[in-house]
Amino acid sequence: MEGTNDVVLLDFWASSFGMRLRIALALKGIQYEGREENLFDKSPLLLEMNSVHKKIPVLIHNGKPICESLIILEYIDQVWHDKYPLLPSDSYDRSQARFWADYIDKKIYSTGRRVWSGKGEDQEEAKKEFIEIFKTLEGELGDKTYFGGDENLGFVDVALVPFTSWFYSYETCANFSIEAECPKLVAWAKRCMKIECVSNSLPHPHKIYAYVLELKNKFGLA
């Protein structure tokens, strides 16, 4: 086993991107040191380890940094491949998992931010886009238990499920129901939350909402 005793995760508790890695490390049983970052006063270590983007999360494995959450997620899966594989073994299936994880990265964070922080027409437009994104993901989920299949979580599940901890904030700030619009996706999220490695890695939705209110006040969006 490679470097299992020298793993550090630079993270922030409310980051969906960091939550992905907490879930993956838990699923694979990897012991690591989690270091909480202040996003408004970044540590010298973070600035050194991610000198290009200066963002969390960063995984430091045997002193070497890996940046960008999906790249880190794939790195974790490759290095600790003997337990709970996340990417499929089939090349085509693997390409599809990467495609949908990339779709999630390109769509959800930016649209979700407009949902909780926006007002008026922009918020309504963001809400429509947000629902369409999740309807598209529902189509990909189909009748499967998880995006990774009927047995276990896969790469796409781990990439997506952290955003569900923000659902309450999206709904409360924009006055809509994700479950009413996308019931299959919410049912999937509830199945995921029954897995201890997931539920233990995600903050309570009300804690996220309190953080959102802090951000809205900080940036004059309240």
C-alpha atoms as a PDB file:
ATOM      1  CA  MET A   1       0.000   0.000   0.000  1.00  0.00           C
ATOM      2  CA  GLU A   2       1.469   3.325  -1.093  1.00  0.00           C
ATOM      3  CA  GLY A   3       1.904   6.133   1.414  1.00  0.00           C
ATOM      4  CA  THR A   4      -1.208   5.407   3.461  1.00  0.00           C
ATOM      5  CA  ASN A   5       0.296   7.042   6.550  1.00  0.00           C
ATOM      6  CA  ASP A   6       1.260  10.362   4.962  1.00  0.00           C
ATOM      7  CA  VAL A   7      -1.926  11.856   3.570  1.00  0.00           C
ATOM      8  CA  VAL A   8      -3.066  15.423   4.302  1.00  0.00           C
ATOM      9  CA  LEU A   9      -6.240  17.042   2.981  1.00  0.00           C
ATOM     10  CA  LEU A  10      -6.439  20.848   2.845  1.00  0.00           C
ATOM     11  CA  ASP A  11     -10.152  21.448   2.952  1.00  0.00           C
ATOM     12  CA  PHE A  12     -13.040  23.681   4.002  1.00  0.00           C
ATOM     13  CA  TRP A  13     -16.023  22.135   5.762  1.00  0.00           C
ATOM     14  CA  ALA A  14     -18.726  23.623   3.481  1.00  0.00           C
ATOM     15  CA  SER A  15     -16.950  22.845   0.203  1.00  0.00           C
ATOM     16  CA  SER A  16     -18.777  20.294  -1.938  1.00  0.00           C
ATOM     17  CA  PHE A  17     -15.454  19.701  -3.707  1.00  0.00           C
ATOM     18  CA  GLY A  18     -13.756  18.814  -0.431  1.00  0.00           C
ATOM     19  CA  MET A  19     -16.681  16.615   0.634  1.00  0.00           C
ATOM     20  CA  ARG A  20     -16.038  14.414  -2.404  1.00  0.00           C
ATOM     21  CA  LEU A  21     -12.605  13.567  -1.138  1.00  0.00           C
ATOM     22  CA  ARG A  22     -13.730  12.991   2.428  1.00  0.00           C
ATOM     23  CA  ILE A  23     -16.239  10.451   1.094  1.00  0.00           C
ATOM     24  CA  ALA A  24     -13.676   8.722  -1.136  1.00  0.00           C
ATOM     25  CA  LEU A  25     -11.052   8.500   1.587  1.00  0.00           C
ATOM     26  CA  ALA A  26     -13.659   7.109   3.992  1.00  0.00           C
ATOM     27  CA  LEU A  27     -14.930   4.530   1.475  1.00  0.00           C
ATOM     28  CA  LYS A  28     -11.377   3.326   0.949  1.00  0.00           C
ATOM     29  CA  GLY A  29     -10.513   3.377   4.639  1.00  0.00           C
ATOM     30  CA  ILE A  30      -7.580   5.780   4.218  1.00  0.00           C
ATOM     31  CA  GLN A  31      -6.263   7.459   7.340  1.00  0.00           C
ATOM     32  CA  TYR A  32      -5.462  11.110   6.729  1.00  0.00           C
ATOM     33  CA  GLU A  33      -4.962  14.444   8.439  1.00  0.00           C
ATOM     34  CA  GLY A  34      -7.626  16.987   7.586  1.00  0.00           C
ATOM     35  CA  ARG A  35      -6.557  20.635   7.807  1.00  0.00           C
ATOM     36  CA  GLU A  36      -9.321  23.221   7.754  1.00  0.00           C
ATOM     37  CA  GLU A  37      -8.575  26.319   5.668  1.00  0.00           C
ATOM     38  CA  ASN A  38      -9.898  29.852   6.084  1.00  0.00           C
ATOM     39  CA  LEU A  39     -10.876  30.830   2.543  1.00  0.00           C
ATOM     40  CA  PHE A  40     -10.516  34.525   3.372  1.00  0.00           C
ATOM     41  CA  ASP A  41      -7.098  34.105   4.988  1.00  0.00           C
ATOM     42  CA  LYS A  42      -5.373  31.241   3.209  1.00  0.00           C
ATOM     43  CA  SER A  43      -2.534  29.437   4.905  1.00  0.00           C
ATOM     44  CA  PRO A  44       1.045  29.578   3.607  1.00  0.00           C
ATOM     45  CA  LEU A  45       0.821  25.810   3.114  1.00  0.00           C
ATOM     46  CA  LEU A  46      -2.189  26.119   0.788  1.00  0.00           C
ATOM     47  CA  LEU A  47      -0.539  28.922  -1.191  1.00  0.00           C
ATOM     48  CA  GLU A  48       2.581  26.780  -1.517  1.00  0.00           C
ATOM     49  CA  MET A  49       0.814  23.529  -2.380  1.00  0.00           C
ATOM     50  CA  ASN A  50      -1.594  25.096  -4.896  1.00  0.00           C
ATOM     51  CA  SER A  51       0.390  28.065  -6.141  1.00  0.00           C
ATOM     52  CA  VAL A  52      -1.534  28.222  -9.448  1.00  0.00           C
ATOM     53  CA  HIS A  53      -5.187  28.356  -8.324  1.00  0.00           C
ATOM     54  CA  LYS A  54      -4.675  28.927  -4.572  1.00  0.00           C
ATOM     55  CA  LYS A  55      -7.862  26.944  -3.871  1.00  0.00           C
ATOM     56  CA  ILE A  56      -8.949  24.022  -1.778  1.00  0.00           C
ATOM     57  CA  PRO A  57      -9.128  21.081  -1.825  1.00  0.00           C
ATOM     58  CA  VAL A  58      -5.539  19.912  -2.062  1.00  0.00           C
ATOM     59  CA  LEU A  59      -4.419  16.380  -1.271  1.00  0.00           C
ATOM     60  CA  ILE A  60      -0.821  16.133  -0.094  1.00  0.00           C
ATOM     61  CA  HIS A  61       0.469  12.575  -0.478  1.00  0.00           C
ATOM     62  CA  ASN A  62       4.001  11.932   0.763  1.00  0.00           C
ATOM     63  CA  GLY A  63       4.691  15.657   0.513  1.00  0.00           C
ATOM     64  CA  LYS A  64       3.460  15.971  -3.074  1.00  0.00           C
ATOM     65  CA  PRO A  65       0.338  18.067  -3.803  1.00  0.00           C
ATOM     66  CA  ILE A  66      -2.533  17.015  -6.067  1.00  0.00           C
ATOM     67  CA  CYS A  67      -5.036  19.751  -6.934  1.00  0.00           C
ATOM     68  CA  GLU A  68      -8.562  19.984  -8.401  1.00  0.00           C
ATOM     69  CA  SER A  69     -11.147  17.698  -6.798  1.00  0.00           C
ATOM     70  CA  LEU A  70     -11.948  15.384  -9.738  1.00  0.00           C
ATOM     71  CA  ILE A  71      -8.251  14.901 -10.453  1.00  0.00           C
ATOM     72  CA  ILE A  72      -7.701  14.148  -6.765  1.00  0.00           C
ATOM     73  CA  LEU A  73     -10.688  11.787  -6.754  1.00  0.00           C
ATOM     74  CA  GLU A  74      -9.234   9.832  -9.657  1.00  0.00           C
ATOM     75  CA  TYR A  75      -5.799   9.843  -8.017  1.00  0.00           C
ATOM     76  CA  ILE A  76      -7.258   8.382  -4.817  1.00  0.00           C
ATOM     77  CA  ASP A  77      -9.047   5.714  -6.843  1.00  0.00           C
ATOM     78  CA  GLN A  78      -5.878   4.752  -8.718  1.00  0.00           C
ATOM     79  CA  VAL A  79      -3.464   4.763  -5.785  1.00  0.00           C
ATOM     80  CA  TRP A  80      -5.776   2.870  -3.417  1.00  0.00           C
ATOM     81  CA  HIS A  81      -7.393   0.711  -6.097  1.00  0.00           C
ATOM     82  CA  ASP A  82      -7.652  -2.432  -4.001  1.00  0.00           C
ATOM     83  CA  LYS A  83     -10.682  -1.278  -2.010  1.00  0.00           C
ATOM     84  CA  TYR A  84     -13.995   0.179  -3.215  1.00  0.00           C
ATOM     85  CA  PRO A  85     -13.130   1.074  -6.836  1.00  0.00           C
ATOM     86  CA  LEU A  86     -14.999   4.172  -8.007  1.00  0.00           C
ATOM     87  CA  LEU A  87     -14.249   4.250 -11.732  1.00  0.00           C
ATOM     88  CA  PRO A  88     -15.486   1.312 -13.852  1.00  0.00           C
ATOM     89  CA  SER A  89     -12.976  -1.165 -15.253  1.00  0.00           C
ATOM     90  CA  ASP A  90     -14.455  -0.927 -18.764  1.00  0.00           C
ATOM     91  CA  SER A  91     -12.850   1.855 -20.840  1.00  0.00           C
ATOM     92  CA  TYR A  92     -16.119   3.117 -22.335  1.00  0.00           C
ATOM     93  CA  ASP A  93     -17.924   3.105 -18.987  1.00  0.00           C
ATOM     94  CA  ARG A  94     -14.967   4.926 -17.468  1.00  0.00           C
ATOM     95  CA  SER A  95     -15.160   7.613 -20.159  1.00  0.00           C
ATOM     96  CA  GLN A  96     -18.869   8.083 -19.451  1.00  0.00           C
ATOM     97  CA  ALA A  97     -18.268   8.434 -15.712  1.00  0.00           C
ATOM     98  CA  ARG A  98     -15.663  11.117 -16.429  1.00  0.00           C
ATOM     99  CA  PHE A  99     -18.065  12.868 -18.812  1.00  0.00           C
ATOM    100  CA  TRP A 100     -20.845  13.106 -16.212  1.00  0.00           C
ATOM    101  CA  ALA A 101     -18.474  14.161 -13.428  1.00  0.00           C
ATOM    102  CA  ASP A 102     -17.206  16.915 -15.729  1.00  0.00           C
ATOM    103  CA  TYR A 103     -20.818  17.908 -16.492  1.00  0.00           C
ATOM    104  CA  ILE A 104     -21.480  18.221 -12.757  1.00  0.00           C
ATOM    105  CA  ASP A 105     -18.370  20.383 -12.319  1.00  0.00           C
ATOM    106  CA  LYS A 106     -19.218  22.682 -15.199  1.00  0.00           C
ATOM    107  CA  LYS A 107     -22.876  23.169 -14.263  1.00  0.00           C
ATOM    108  CA  ILE A 108     -23.874  22.827 -10.635  1.00  0.00           C
ATOM    109  CA  TYR A 109     -21.609  25.110  -8.593  1.00  0.00           C
ATOM    110  CA  SER A 110     -21.969  28.208 -10.767  1.00  0.00           C
ATOM    111  CA  THR A 111     -25.710  27.773 -11.309  1.00  0.00           C
ATOM    112  CA  GLY A 112     -26.299  26.898  -7.661  1.00  0.00           C
ATOM    113  CA  ARG A 113     -24.477  30.042  -6.565  1.00  0.00           C
ATOM    114  CA  ARG A 114     -26.859  32.116  -8.695  1.00  0.00           C
ATOM    115  CA  VAL A 115     -29.797  30.275  -7.109  1.00  0.00           C
ATOM    116  CA  TRP A 116     -28.838  31.101  -3.502  1.00  0.00           C
ATOM    117  CA  SER A 117     -27.314  34.531  -4.101  1.00  0.00           C
ATOM    118  CA  GLY A 118     -29.421  35.922  -6.939  1.00  0.00           C
ATOM    119  CA  LYS A 119     -32.530  38.059  -6.990  1.00  0.00           C
ATOM    120  CA  GLY A 120     -35.432  38.647  -9.313  1.00  0.00           C
ATOM    121  CA  GLU A 121     -35.166  37.540 -12.928  1.00  0.00           C
ATOM    122  CA  ASP A 122     -31.611  36.240 -12.653  1.00  0.00           C
ATOM    123  CA  GLN A 123     -32.572  33.984  -9.755  1.00  0.00           C
ATOM    124  CA  GLU A 124     -35.628  32.700 -11.624  1.00  0.00           C
ATOM    125  CA  GLU A 125     -33.519  31.982 -14.693  1.00  0.00           C
ATOM    126  CA  ALA A 126     -30.899  30.235 -12.551  1.00  0.00           C
ATOM    127  CA  LYS A 127     -33.616  28.163 -10.886  1.00  0.00           C
ATOM    128  CA  LYS A 128     -34.881  26.961 -14.281  1.00  0.00           C
ATOM    129  CA  GLU A 129     -31.351  26.103 -15.400  1.00  0.00           C
ATOM    130  CA  PHE A 130     -30.717  24.313 -12.103  1.00  0.00           C
ATOM    131  CA  ILE A 131     -33.824  22.150 -12.474  1.00  0.00           C
ATOM    132  CA  GLU A 132     -32.883  21.294 -16.075  1.00  0.00           C
ATOM    133  CA  ILE A 133     -29.406  20.216 -14.960  1.00  0.00           C
ATOM    134  CA  PHE A 134     -30.885  17.843 -12.394  1.00  0.00           C
ATOM    135  CA  LYS A 135     -33.496  16.529 -14.798  1.00  0.00           C
ATOM    136  CA  THR A 136     -30.641  15.715 -17.185  1.00  0.00           C
ATOM    137  CA  LEU A 137     -28.857  13.893 -14.361  1.00  0.00           C
ATOM    138  CA  GLU A 138     -32.066  12.049 -13.502  1.00  0.00           C
ATOM    139  CA  GLY A 139     -32.136  10.814 -17.097  1.00  0.00           C
ATOM    140  CA  GLU A 140     -28.611   9.463 -16.742  1.00  0.00           C
ATOM    141  CA  LEU A 141     -29.456   7.806 -13.402  1.00  0.00           C
ATOM    142  CA  GLY A 142     -32.446   6.053 -14.983  1.00  0.00           C
ATOM    143  CA  ASP A 143     -33.658   3.142 -12.883  1.00  0.00           C
ATOM    144  CA  LYS A 144     -30.259   2.386 -11.349  1.00  0.00           C
ATOM    145  CA  THR A 145     -29.808   2.491  -7.573  1.00  0.00           C
ATOM    146  CA  TYR A 146     -26.692   4.617  -7.985  1.00  0.00           C
ATOM    147  CA  PHE A 147     -24.979   6.242 -10.942  1.00  0.00           C
ATOM    148  CA  GLY A 148     -22.283   3.609 -10.437  1.00  0.00           C
ATOM    149  CA  GLY A 149     -24.789   0.758 -10.734  1.00  0.00           C
ATOM    150  CA  ASP A 150     -27.084  -1.143  -8.412  1.00  0.00           C
ATOM    151  CA  GLU A 151     -24.478  -2.340  -5.915  1.00  0.00           C
ATOM    152  CA  ASN A 152     -22.080   0.458  -4.980  1.00  0.00           C
ATOM    153  CA  LEU A 153     -21.442   4.156  -5.268  1.00  0.00           C
ATOM    154  CA  GLY A 154     -19.331   5.148  -8.248  1.00  0.00           C
ATOM    155  CA  PHE A 155     -17.267   8.110  -9.400  1.00  0.00           C
ATOM    156  CA  VAL A 156     -20.327  10.144 -10.444  1.00  0.00           C
ATOM    157  CA  ASP A 157     -22.169   9.487  -7.166  1.00  0.00           C
ATOM    158  CA  VAL A 158     -19.200  10.730  -5.143  1.00  0.00           C
ATOM    159  CA  ALA A 159     -18.848  13.775  -7.415  1.00  0.00           C
ATOM    160  CA  LEU A 160     -22.520  14.715  -7.133  1.00  0.00           C
ATOM    161  CA  VAL A 161     -23.794  13.788  -3.681  1.00  0.00           C
ATOM    162  CA  PRO A 162     -22.001  16.594  -1.765  1.00  0.00           C
ATOM    163  CA  PHE A 163     -24.149  19.185  -3.538  1.00  0.00           C
ATOM    164  CA  THR A 164     -27.234  17.666  -1.901  1.00  0.00           C
ATOM    165  CA  SER A 165     -26.087  19.155   1.421  1.00  0.00           C
ATOM    166  CA  TRP A 166     -26.776  22.538  -0.221  1.00  0.00           C
ATOM    167  CA  PHE A 167     -30.285  21.593  -1.432  1.00  0.00           C
ATOM    168  CA  TYR A 168     -32.006  23.098   1.614  1.00  0.00           C
ATOM    169  CA  SER A 169     -30.188  26.405   1.041  1.00  0.00           C
ATOM    170  CA  TYR A 170     -31.070  26.475  -2.663  1.00  0.00           C
ATOM    171  CA  GLU A 171     -34.716  25.722  -1.906  1.00  0.00           C
ATOM    172  CA  THR A 172     -35.025  28.194   0.967  1.00  0.00           C
ATOM    173  CA  CYS A 173     -33.279  31.061  -0.819  1.00  0.00           C
ATOM    174  CA  ALA A 174     -35.183  30.588  -4.091  1.00  0.00           C
ATOM    175  CA  ASN A 175     -38.506  29.278  -2.763  1.00  0.00           C
ATOM    176  CA  PHE A 176     -38.862  26.011  -4.656  1.00  0.00           C
ATOM    177  CA  SER A 177     -38.778  22.257  -4.054  1.00  0.00           C
ATOM    178  CA  ILE A 178     -36.111  20.126  -5.708  1.00  0.00           C
ATOM    179  CA  GLU A 179     -38.001  16.979  -4.690  1.00  0.00           C
ATOM    180  CA  ALA A 180     -41.156  18.190  -6.458  1.00  0.00           C
ATOM    181  CA  GLU A 181     -39.164  18.795  -9.638  1.00  0.00           C
ATOM    182  CA  CYS A 182     -36.708  15.883  -9.483  1.00  0.00           C
ATOM    183  CA  PRO A 183     -38.114  13.161  -7.207  1.00  0.00           C
ATOM    184  CA  LYS A 184     -35.857  10.373  -8.531  1.00  0.00           C
ATOM    185  CA  LEU A 185     -32.748  12.387  -7.819  1.00  0.00           C
ATOM    186  CA  VAL A 186     -33.844  13.207  -4.278  1.00  0.00           C
ATOM    187  CA  ALA A 187     -34.654   9.511  -3.708  1.00  0.00           C
ATOM    188  CA  TRP A 188     -31.124   8.704  -4.928  1.00  0.00           C
ATOM    189  CA  ALA A 189     -29.693  11.275  -2.485  1.00  0.00           C
ATOM    190  CA  LYS A 190     -31.592   9.669   0.395  1.00  0.00           C
ATOM    191  CA  ARG A 191     -30.190   6.242  -0.555  1.00  0.00           C
ATOM    192  CA  CYS A 192     -26.686   7.688  -0.576  1.00  0.00           C
ATOM    193  CA  MET A 193     -27.182   9.218   2.864  1.00  0.00           C
ATOM    194  CA  LYS A 194     -27.877   5.770   4.302  1.00  0.00           C
ATOM    195  CA  ILE A 195     -24.218   4.953   3.624  1.00  0.00           C
ATOM    196  CA  GLU A 196     -22.222   5.937   6.691  1.00  0.00           C
ATOM    197  CA  CYS A 197     -19.172   7.141   4.731  1.00  0.00           C
ATOM    198  CA  VAL A 198     -21.437   9.635   2.976  1.00  0.00           C
ATOM    199  CA  SER A 199     -23.567  10.824   5.895  1.00  0.00           C
ATOM    200  CA  ASN A 200     -20.499  11.255   8.125  1.00  0.00           C
ATOM    201  CA  SER A 201     -18.731  13.308   5.438  1.00  0.00           C
ATOM    202  CA  LEU A 202     -21.484  15.843   4.739  1.00  0.00           C
ATOM    203  CA  PRO A 203     -22.433  18.736   7.051  1.00  0.00           C
ATOM    204  CA  HIS A 204     -26.039  19.173   8.148  1.00  0.00           C
ATOM    205  CA  PRO A 205     -28.049  21.188   5.574  1.00  0.00           C
ATOM    206  CA  HIS A 206     -29.062  23.707   8.251  1.00  0.00           C
ATOM    207  CA  LYS A 207     -25.383  24.368   9.037  1.00  0.00           C
ATOM    208  CA  ILE A 208     -24.813  25.026   5.320  1.00  0.00           C
ATOM    209  CA  TYR A 209     -27.795  27.405   5.302  1.00  0.00           C
ATOM    210  CA  ALA A 210     -26.372  29.347   8.261  1.00  0.00           C
ATOM    211  CA  TYR A 211     -23.123  29.675   6.310  1.00  0.00           C
ATOM    212  CA  VAL A 212     -25.032  30.871   3.226  1.00  0.00           C
ATOM    213  CA  LEU A 213     -26.712  33.567   5.315  1.00  0.00           C
ATOM    214  CA  GLU A 214     -23.267  34.660   6.567  1.00  0.00           C
ATOM    215  CA  LEU A 215     -22.049  34.910   2.960  1.00  0.00           C
ATOM    216  CA  LYS A 216     -25.126  36.874   1.872  1.00  0.00           C
ATOM    217  CA  ASN A 217     -24.543  39.350   4.710  1.00  0.00           C
ATOM    218  CA  LYS A 218     -20.814  39.554   4.022  1.00  0.00           C
ATOM    219  CA  PHE A 219     -21.307  40.370   0.360  1.00  0.00           C
ATOM    220  CA  GLY A 220     -24.404  42.534   0.759  1.00  0.00           C
ATOM    221  CA  LEU A 221     -26.759  40.011  -0.845  1.00  0.00           C
ATOM    222  CA  ALA A 222     -29.246  39.704   2.018  1.00  0.00           C
END
